Amino acid sequence: MSFCVLPSGAKTLRNVTVPASLIGQSGDLITTDLTITNGKITQTDAGQPVETVIDMKGAMVFPAFVDMHTHLDKGHIWPRASNPDGSFMGALETVHADHANWTAADVEARMDFALRCAYAHGTKAIRTHIDSLDALASSSFGVVKRMQDKWAGKIELQASCLVAVDKIFKDQGDFPAIAKIVSEAGQILGSVTYPVPDLKERLLDFFHFAVMYDLDVDFHVDETDDPTSDTLRTIAETVIELDFKNRVTVGHCCSISVMPEETADEIIALVAKAGLNVVSLPMCNMYLQDRYKGRTPRWRGVTMAHELNAAGVNVSFASDNTRDPFYAYGDLDMIEVMREATRICHLDHTDVPWVNAFLTNPAAACGFDTPSLTVGAPADLVICNARGWTELFARPQSDRVVLRDGDPIDRTLPSYSELDEIVS
């Protein structure tokens, strides 16, 4: 049950609490009024209201969220493909074995289920990675196109291919065909990087296609607690060397947190110089990283978000995996991500407007429309009963209200039983 019932149509939401950065002001939280007319925000302070005025009693309001790193093609396979030991290798091997089940119908059913969850929670834009080896690229990118058409106007969907860097060759193997599929779909070229001996050559072959097809790129990077894994450095150096102008995203970047301080500082400086966008996945990395049987983890598994931000790097946070071998939990709920990222990464007690890392920062990294609460912005809003950060993060905000084009949506989440025949 929602904490309040809002009517459709024009209305003024009086006495709401909003992050100052989202209305173009400095500071933390601000109390204001929001007037909604014809699906747009038409007023952000007290003035002549429309006929319907609702006292929101300090309720927090956010624009609809951006989830820039997900794996919708893997989502919800846990019932048939659980991780045997919670390890990274266990996840890799289990997913690879489950690829045999990934028909277009299977992927489409699970992807649509996930998008319904994200929409109900208040997300408006999503980037998903797509496993593209094992002859999956053509089928799964076809599913992405159908989901884009089905969800048009509700969720803007992007997709990035996911191919291990040691499988990337300019003139042989599967990658040339995968890159062409990505280009024809108008999507993002992606890879997962490991410290292989010929990493630089493989990256040059990767960027050959990114340049040829004029594509943005997205990497999974150094998702390990091995301090010698520094492929992030090589990616940054390659982007600088090539003077690559399109958007470059690097996800995870875990190992930098366990390197010597001076080494990490060098890499962070290169990341900033290269203009890379960093996305941290705190819930998944807390699940996978530093997991050893019978041993309590010593490390939170996340990247150096504060140091990267201080260096001028665009830093975001996202969901990552949901109910698959890489992360057994999750529901594509960006308020959950924001709550857990705040706790795990100590985003509180700082002067940084970290709320942007779940909204405007990922939008900039991906090229989505900028979420905003300023006049003229779409009235695609998430409204919470909480009146400040401590109330917001203390509870899951299950009674939140989501508006799209100014009108409340049905927030009923799909039942997991819908997937019983698919993932049994």
Protein backbone atom coordinates (compact mmCIF):
# COMPACT_ATOMS: atom_id res chain seq x y z
CA MET A 1 0.00 0.00 0.00
CA SER A 2 1.36 3.42 -0.96
CA PHE A 3 1.78 5.98 1.81
CA CYS A 4 -0.41 8.44 -0.11
CA VAL A 5 -2.85 8.40 -2.99
CA LEU A 6 -2.20 10.99 -5.67
CA PRO A 7 -4.71 11.90 -8.37
CA SER A 8 -3.97 11.93 -12.06
CA GLY A 9 -3.77 15.21 -13.90
CA ALA A 10 -2.47 18.64 -12.89
CA LYS A 11 -1.50 19.10 -9.26
CA THR A 12 0.82 20.89 -6.89
CA LEU A 13 2.84 18.77 -4.49
CA ARG A 14 3.35 21.15 -1.61
CA ASN A 15 6.14 20.81 0.95
CA VAL A 16 8.34 18.17 -0.68
CA THR A 17 11.99 17.47 0.11
CA VAL A 18 14.34 17.31 -2.88
CA PRO A 19 18.13 17.06 -3.39
CA ALA A 20 19.38 20.57 -4.14
CA SER A 21 21.59 19.40 -7.00
CA LEU A 22 18.54 18.18 -8.91
CA ILE A 23 16.97 21.64 -8.99
CA GLY A 24 20.19 23.41 -9.89
CA GLN A 25 21.04 24.64 -6.40
CA SER A 26 23.86 24.05 -3.95
CA GLY A 27 23.47 22.33 -0.63
CA ASP A 28 21.93 19.06 0.47
CA LEU A 29 18.14 18.81 0.83
CA ILE A 30 15.68 21.60 0.11
CA THR A 31 11.98 21.92 0.88
CA THR A 32 9.94 23.23 -2.04
CA ASP A 33 6.75 22.77 -4.06
CA LEU A 34 6.43 20.94 -7.38
CA THR A 35 3.63 21.74 -9.77
CA ILE A 36 2.81 19.22 -12.48
CA THR A 37 0.90 20.14 -15.62
CA ASN A 38 0.52 18.07 -18.78
CA GLY A 39 3.06 15.56 -17.56
CA LYS A 40 5.80 18.17 -16.95
CA ILE A 41 7.19 19.99 -13.94
CA THR A 42 6.01 23.57 -14.39
CA GLN A 43 6.90 25.07 -11.03
CA THR A 44 9.48 24.27 -8.38
CA ASP A 45 8.71 26.79 -5.67
CA ALA A 46 5.68 28.27 -3.96
CA GLY A 47 3.50 30.38 -6.21
CA GLN A 48 0.09 30.28 -7.85
CA PRO A 49 -0.87 26.60 -7.57
CA VAL A 50 -3.21 24.63 -9.76
CA GLU A 51 -6.57 23.68 -8.30
CA THR A 52 -5.42 20.37 -6.78
CA VAL A 53 -2.92 20.93 -3.98
CA ILE A 54 -1.57 18.11 -1.82
CA ASP A 55 0.47 18.70 1.33
CA MET A 56 3.24 16.10 1.06
CA LYS A 57 4.49 16.73 4.60
CA GLY A 58 8.15 16.69 3.64
CA ALA A 59 8.09 13.55 1.46
CA MET A 60 11.29 13.06 -0.56
CA VAL A 61 11.04 13.28 -4.35
CA PHE A 62 13.53 12.02 -6.93
CA PRO A 63 13.45 11.86 -10.72
CA ALA A 64 13.11 8.33 -12.12
CA PHE A 65 16.39 6.48 -11.78
CA VAL A 66 19.06 5.33 -14.26
CA ASP A 67 20.48 1.80 -13.84
CA MET A 68 23.53 1.76 -16.10
CA HIS A 69 24.97 -1.71 -15.49
CA THR A 70 22.71 -4.77 -15.44
CA HIS A 71 22.61 -8.28 -16.90
CA LEU A 72 19.02 -8.80 -17.98
CA ASP A 73 19.90 -11.84 -20.09
CA LYS A 74 21.17 -13.68 -16.99
CA GLY A 75 18.49 -12.46 -14.62
CA HIS A 76 16.44 -14.94 -12.56
CA ILE A 77 18.16 -18.14 -13.64
CA TRP A 78 19.11 -18.94 -10.03
CA PRO A 79 16.38 -21.60 -9.53
CA ARG A 80 17.92 -23.72 -12.30
CA ALA A 81 21.52 -22.44 -12.17
CA SER A 82 22.59 -21.53 -8.64
CA ASN A 83 26.18 -20.77 -7.74
CA PRO A 84 27.61 -23.89 -6.05
CA ASP A 85 29.94 -22.01 -3.70
CA GLY A 86 29.32 -18.27 -4.15
CA SER A 87 32.67 -17.79 -5.91
CA PHE A 88 33.43 -15.84 -9.05
CA MET A 89 34.64 -18.96 -10.84
CA GLY A 90 31.53 -20.83 -9.71
CA ALA A 91 29.44 -18.09 -11.29
CA LEU A 92 31.37 -18.14 -14.58
CA GLU A 93 31.15 -21.89 -14.97
CA THR A 94 27.48 -22.09 -13.99
CA VAL A 95 26.41 -19.37 -16.39
CA HIS A 96 28.44 -20.87 -19.23
CA ALA A 97 26.71 -24.22 -18.69
CA ASP A 98 23.29 -22.52 -18.59
CA HIS A 99 23.84 -20.83 -21.97
CA ALA A 100 22.38 -24.01 -23.51
CA ASN A 101 18.99 -22.94 -22.12
CA TRP A 102 19.11 -19.40 -23.51
CA THR A 103 16.61 -19.59 -26.34
CA ALA A 104 15.13 -16.30 -27.48
CA ALA A 105 11.88 -17.18 -25.68
CA ASP A 106 13.72 -17.94 -22.44
CA VAL A 107 15.74 -14.71 -22.47
CA GLU A 108 12.73 -12.63 -23.49
CA ALA A 109 10.52 -13.93 -20.68
CA ARG A 110 13.15 -13.29 -18.02
CA MET A 111 14.12 -9.90 -19.45
CA ASP A 112 10.53 -8.69 -19.56
CA PHE A 113 10.02 -9.87 -15.95
CA ALA A 114 13.08 -7.87 -14.88
CA LEU A 115 11.94 -4.74 -16.71
CA ARG A 116 8.55 -4.93 -15.00
CA CYS A 117 10.34 -5.00 -11.66
CA ALA A 118 12.57 -2.05 -12.54
CA TYR A 119 9.63 -0.02 -13.83
CA ALA A 120 7.58 -0.64 -10.69
CA HIS A 121 10.52 0.46 -8.53
CA GLY A 122 10.91 3.74 -10.44
CA THR A 123 13.64 3.21 -13.05
CA LYS A 124 13.41 4.93 -16.42
CA ALA A 125 16.65 3.99 -18.23
CA ILE A 126 18.73 0.81 -18.20
CA ARG A 127 21.87 -0.49 -19.85
CA THR A 128 22.21 -4.27 -19.94
CA HIS A 129 25.21 -6.37 -20.85
CA ILE A 130 24.57 -9.25 -23.22
CA ASP A 131 26.60 -12.48 -23.21
CA SER A 132 27.61 -12.67 -26.86
CA LEU A 133 29.78 -15.75 -27.29
CA ASP A 134 28.37 -19.29 -27.65
CA ALA A 135 26.43 -18.01 -30.69
CA LEU A 136 24.16 -15.89 -28.45
CA ALA A 137 24.68 -12.42 -29.90
CA SER A 138 22.20 -12.51 -32.79
CA SER A 139 19.40 -14.07 -30.76
CA SER A 140 19.84 -11.97 -27.61
CA PHE A 141 20.24 -8.66 -29.43
CA GLY A 142 17.06 -9.56 -31.28
CA VAL A 143 15.36 -9.89 -27.89
CA VAL A 144 16.76 -6.49 -26.88
CA LYS A 145 15.15 -4.93 -29.97
CA ARG A 146 11.77 -6.45 -29.12
CA MET A 147 12.08 -5.20 -25.53
CA GLN A 148 13.01 -1.73 -26.74
CA ASP A 149 9.86 -1.64 -28.85
CA LYS A 150 7.66 -3.07 -26.11
CA TRP A 151 8.97 -0.75 -23.40
CA ALA A 152 9.26 2.41 -25.50
CA GLY A 153 8.08 5.40 -23.50
CA LYS A 154 8.50 3.54 -20.20
CA ILE A 155 12.12 2.38 -20.02
CA GLU A 156 14.87 3.41 -22.41
CA LEU A 157 16.98 0.31 -22.95
CA GLN A 158 20.59 0.08 -24.12
CA ALA A 159 22.67 -3.07 -24.58
CA SER A 160 26.40 -3.79 -24.61
CA CYS A 161 27.94 -7.01 -25.89
CA LEU A 162 30.02 -8.95 -23.38
CA VAL A 163 33.05 -10.79 -24.77
CA ALA A 164 36.22 -11.87 -22.94
CA VAL A 165 39.14 -9.78 -24.13
CA ASP A 166 41.23 -12.83 -25.05
CA LYS A 167 38.55 -13.72 -27.64
CA ILE A 168 38.83 -10.40 -29.45
CA PHE A 169 40.71 -10.42 -32.75
CA LYS A 170 40.38 -8.02 -35.65
CA ASP A 171 40.64 -10.62 -38.40
CA GLN A 172 39.52 -13.93 -36.88
CA GLY A 173 37.16 -15.50 -34.38
CA ASP A 174 33.64 -14.42 -33.48
CA PHE A 175 34.23 -10.79 -32.54
CA PRO A 176 34.07 -9.17 -36.00
CA ALA A 177 30.58 -10.61 -36.51
CA ILE A 178 29.52 -9.62 -32.98
CA ALA A 179 30.75 -6.06 -33.51
CA LYS A 180 28.71 -5.85 -36.70
CA ILE A 181 25.57 -7.05 -34.86
CA VAL A 182 26.16 -4.41 -32.20
CA SER A 183 26.65 -1.70 -34.79
CA GLU A 184 23.54 -2.64 -36.75
CA ALA A 185 21.56 -2.59 -33.50
CA GLY A 186 22.94 0.86 -32.63
CA GLN A 187 24.24 -0.40 -29.30
CA ILE A 188 27.46 -0.42 -27.25
CA LEU A 189 30.64 -2.42 -27.80
CA GLY A 190 31.73 -4.25 -24.66
CA SER A 191 34.32 -6.59 -23.24
CA VAL A 192 35.59 -8.04 -19.98
CA THR A 193 39.32 -7.50 -19.47
CA TYR A 194 41.83 -9.76 -17.74
CA PRO A 195 45.61 -9.35 -17.44
CA VAL A 196 46.38 -11.54 -20.46
CA PRO A 197 49.90 -11.25 -21.94
CA ASP A 198 48.70 -9.63 -25.17
CA LEU A 199 46.14 -7.31 -23.55
CA LYS A 200 47.29 -4.22 -25.46
CA GLU A 201 46.98 -5.97 -28.83
CA ARG A 202 43.52 -7.27 -27.95
CA LEU A 203 42.41 -3.79 -26.86
CA LEU A 204 43.71 -2.27 -30.09
CA ASP A 205 41.67 -4.82 -32.04
CA PHE A 206 38.64 -3.99 -29.87
CA PHE A 207 38.99 -0.25 -30.49
CA HIS A 208 39.47 -0.90 -34.20
CA PHE A 209 35.79 -1.87 -34.35
CA ALA A 210 34.70 0.88 -31.94
CA VAL A 211 36.29 3.46 -34.24
CA MET A 212 35.11 1.81 -37.46
CA TYR A 213 31.48 1.70 -36.28
CA ASP A 214 31.63 4.90 -34.17
CA LEU A 215 30.46 3.15 -30.99
CA ASP A 216 30.55 3.92 -27.29
CA VAL A 217 32.29 1.21 -25.28
CA ASP A 218 31.76 -0.46 -21.91
CA PHE A 219 34.24 -2.71 -20.08
CA HIS A 220 34.09 -5.08 -17.13
CA VAL A 221 37.43 -4.39 -15.47
CA ASP A 222 39.59 -6.02 -12.78
CA GLU A 223 36.76 -7.71 -10.91
CA THR A 224 39.18 -9.41 -8.54
CA ASP A 225 41.10 -8.99 -5.29
CA ASP A 226 44.39 -9.61 -7.10
CA PRO A 227 46.41 -6.36 -6.76
CA THR A 228 48.48 -7.24 -9.82
CA SER A 229 45.39 -7.09 -12.06
CA ASP A 230 45.69 -3.59 -13.51
CA THR A 231 43.93 -3.74 -16.88
CA LEU A 232 42.27 -0.43 -15.97
CA ARG A 233 45.65 1.23 -16.47
CA THR A 234 46.03 -0.27 -19.95
CA ILE A 235 42.50 0.73 -20.97
CA ALA A 236 43.13 4.33 -19.89
CA GLU A 237 46.50 4.44 -21.65
CA THR A 238 44.97 3.04 -24.84
CA VAL A 239 42.11 5.56 -24.84
CA ILE A 240 44.64 8.38 -24.42
CA GLU A 241 46.96 6.96 -27.08
CA LEU A 242 44.15 6.60 -29.62
CA ASP A 243 42.54 9.91 -28.62
CA PHE A 244 39.27 7.96 -28.59
CA LYS A 245 36.41 10.46 -28.38
CA ASN A 246 33.33 8.34 -27.71
CA ARG A 247 32.08 7.47 -24.23
CA VAL A 248 34.09 4.87 -22.35
CA THR A 249 32.67 3.15 -19.28
CA VAL A 250 34.65 0.91 -16.95
CA GLY A 251 32.76 -1.21 -14.44
CA HIS A 252 33.82 -2.85 -11.16
CA CYS A 253 37.51 -1.78 -10.99
CA CYS A 254 37.81 -3.73 -7.73
CA SER A 255 41.51 -4.53 -7.60
CA ILE A 256 42.56 -0.88 -7.42
CA SER A 257 41.31 -0.86 -3.83
CA VAL A 258 43.88 -3.46 -2.75
CA MET A 259 46.87 -1.96 -4.57
CA PRO A 260 49.57 0.14 -2.91
CA GLU A 261 48.34 3.72 -2.50
CA GLU A 262 50.87 5.22 -4.91
CA THR A 263 49.97 2.70 -7.61
CA ALA A 264 46.27 3.38 -7.21
CA ASP A 265 46.91 7.13 -7.40
CA GLU A 266 48.77 6.71 -10.70
CA ILE A 267 45.91 4.72 -12.22
CA ILE A 268 43.26 7.14 -10.96
CA ALA A 269 45.15 10.02 -12.58
CA LEU A 270 45.19 8.12 -15.88
CA VAL A 271 41.46 7.34 -15.61
CA ALA A 272 40.74 11.03 -15.09
CA LYS A 273 43.00 12.07 -17.97
CA ALA A 274 41.31 9.55 -20.29
CA GLY A 275 37.85 10.78 -19.29
CA LEU A 276 36.61 7.33 -18.36
CA ASN A 277 33.25 6.83 -16.65
CA VAL A 278 33.44 4.48 -13.66
CA VAL A 279 30.49 2.45 -12.42
CA SER A 280 30.66 0.58 -9.12
CA LEU A 281 28.46 -2.44 -8.39
CA PRO A 282 28.57 -2.66 -4.60
CA MET A 283 25.97 -5.33 -3.92
CA CYS A 284 27.35 -7.88 -6.39
CA ASN A 285 30.94 -7.20 -5.43
CA MET A 286 30.17 -7.58 -1.72
CA TYR A 287 28.68 -10.97 -2.63
CA LEU A 288 31.54 -12.25 -4.79
CA GLN A 289 34.75 -10.58 -3.71
CA ASP A 290 36.98 -11.91 -0.92
CA ARG A 291 34.83 -15.03 -0.58
CA TYR A 292 36.78 -18.02 0.64
CA LYS A 293 35.19 -21.08 2.22
CA GLY A 294 35.20 -20.95 6.02
CA ARG A 295 36.77 -17.47 6.10
CA THR A 296 35.15 -14.17 6.99
CA PRO A 297 35.69 -11.54 4.25
CA ARG A 298 38.17 -8.79 5.09
CA TRP A 299 37.28 -6.38 2.26
CA ARG A 300 34.13 -4.78 0.91
CA GLY A 301 35.03 -5.54 -2.69
CA VAL A 302 34.29 -2.12 -4.16
CA THR A 303 36.34 0.41 -6.08
CA MET A 304 37.85 3.67 -4.78
CA ALA A 305 34.75 5.79 -5.36
CA HIS A 306 35.76 8.74 -3.19
CA GLU A 307 39.25 9.03 -4.64
CA LEU A 308 38.01 8.71 -8.21
CA ASN A 309 35.36 11.37 -7.62
CA ALA A 310 37.93 13.69 -6.01
CA ALA A 311 40.07 13.31 -9.15
CA GLY A 312 37.19 14.52 -11.31
CA VAL A 313 36.07 11.13 -12.60
CA ASN A 314 32.37 10.61 -13.31
CA VAL A 315 31.39 7.90 -10.79
CA SER A 316 28.09 6.00 -10.77
CA PHE A 317 26.51 3.05 -9.00
CA ALA A 318 24.21 0.39 -10.47
CA SER A 319 22.43 -2.91 -9.79
CA ASP A 320 24.54 -5.41 -11.74
CA ASN A 321 23.20 -8.99 -11.57
CA THR A 322 19.85 -10.11 -10.17
CA ARG A 323 19.08 -13.64 -8.97
CA ASP A 324 21.75 -15.34 -11.03
CA PRO A 325 25.05 -17.07 -10.15
CA PHE A 326 26.90 -13.75 -9.88
CA TYR A 327 24.45 -12.36 -7.31
CA ALA A 328 21.71 -14.43 -5.72
CA TYR A 329 19.55 -11.46 -4.77
CA GLY A 330 18.47 -8.04 -6.04
CA ASP A 331 15.41 -6.72 -7.86
CA LEU A 332 16.65 -3.83 -10.04
CA ASP A 333 15.57 -1.42 -7.30
CA MET A 334 17.76 1.68 -7.44
CA ILE A 335 16.67 2.87 -4.01
CA GLU A 336 18.05 -0.41 -2.65
CA VAL A 337 21.25 0.20 -4.62
CA MET A 338 21.50 3.75 -3.27
CA ARG A 339 20.87 2.58 0.30
CA GLU A 340 23.41 -0.24 0.15
CA ALA A 341 26.03 1.82 -1.73
CA THR A 342 25.74 4.50 0.94
CA ARG A 343 26.43 1.95 3.66
CA ILE A 344 29.11 -0.05 1.87
CA CYS A 345 31.04 2.89 0.38
CA HIS A 346 30.45 5.45 3.14
CA LEU A 347 28.74 7.94 0.86
CA ASP A 348 27.26 9.67 3.92
CA HIS A 349 29.00 12.32 6.06
CA THR A 350 30.52 13.99 3.00
CA ASP A 351 29.86 17.20 1.10
CA VAL A 352 29.59 15.34 -2.22
CA PRO A 353 26.04 15.16 -3.72
CA TRP A 354 26.28 11.39 -4.15
CA VAL A 355 22.62 11.18 -5.16
CA ASN A 356 23.86 12.24 -8.62
CA ALA A 357 25.69 8.90 -8.89
CA PHE A 358 22.32 7.17 -9.28
CA LEU A 359 20.76 9.72 -11.61
CA THR A 360 22.68 12.38 -13.55
CA ASN A 361 26.10 10.69 -13.54
CA PRO A 362 24.96 7.41 -15.15
CA ALA A 363 22.79 9.36 -17.59
CA ALA A 364 25.87 11.30 -18.72
CA ALA A 365 27.94 8.11 -18.97
CA CYS A 366 25.37 6.43 -21.20
CA GLY A 367 23.90 9.37 -23.10
CA PHE A 368 20.45 9.09 -21.56
CA ASP A 369 18.34 12.19 -20.94
CA THR A 370 19.44 13.98 -17.77
CA PRO A 371 17.17 13.30 -14.78
CA SER A 372 16.04 16.58 -13.23
CA LEU A 373 13.43 18.23 -11.04
CA THR A 374 13.73 21.59 -12.78
CA VAL A 375 10.94 23.36 -14.66
CA GLY A 376 10.25 21.65 -17.98
CA ALA A 377 11.51 18.23 -16.90
CA PRO A 378 9.21 15.22 -17.33
CA ALA A 379 7.16 14.50 -14.21
CA ASP A 380 8.60 10.98 -13.99
CA LEU A 381 9.06 10.89 -10.24
CA VAL A 382 9.72 8.58 -7.31
CA ILE A 383 8.10 9.83 -4.10
CA CYS A 384 9.03 8.38 -0.70
CA ASN A 385 7.42 8.70 2.69
CA ALA A 386 10.84 9.47 4.16
CA ARG A 387 11.57 13.14 4.92
CA GLY A 388 15.37 12.91 4.97
CA TRP A 389 18.30 10.60 4.36
CA THR A 390 18.19 8.68 7.62
CA GLU A 391 14.50 7.89 7.16
CA LEU A 392 15.05 7.01 3.50
CA PHE A 393 17.85 4.54 4.20
CA ALA A 394 16.33 3.08 7.37
CA ARG A 395 13.47 1.39 5.48
CA PRO A 396 13.14 -0.13 1.99
CA GLN A 397 10.52 2.48 0.93
CA SER A 398 8.19 -0.26 -0.24
CA ASP A 399 5.30 2.20 -0.05
CA ARG A 400 6.87 4.66 -2.49
CA VAL A 401 4.73 6.28 -5.19
CA VAL A 402 5.97 6.34 -8.80
CA LEU A 403 4.63 8.91 -11.27
CA ARG A 404 5.10 8.70 -15.00
CA ASP A 405 4.04 11.74 -17.03
CA GLY A 406 2.68 13.06 -13.74
CA ASP A 407 0.29 10.19 -13.11
CA PRO A 408 0.71 7.35 -10.58
CA ILE A 409 1.50 3.91 -11.97
CA ASP A 410 0.48 0.48 -10.72
CA ARG A 411 3.48 -0.61 -8.65
CA THR A 412 2.44 -4.24 -8.29
CA LEU A 413 5.54 -6.40 -8.72
CA PRO A 414 5.33 -9.56 -10.85
CA SER A 415 5.18 -12.83 -8.94
CA TYR A 416 8.20 -15.14 -9.14
CA SER A 417 5.74 -17.95 -9.82
CA GLU A 418 5.41 -16.58 -13.36
CA LEU A 419 8.91 -17.90 -14.00
CA ASP A 420 8.39 -21.37 -12.54
CA GLU A 421 8.06 -23.18 -15.86
CA ILE A 422 10.88 -21.16 -17.43
CA VAL A 423 13.59 -21.58 -14.82
CA SER A 424 12.64 -24.87 -13.20
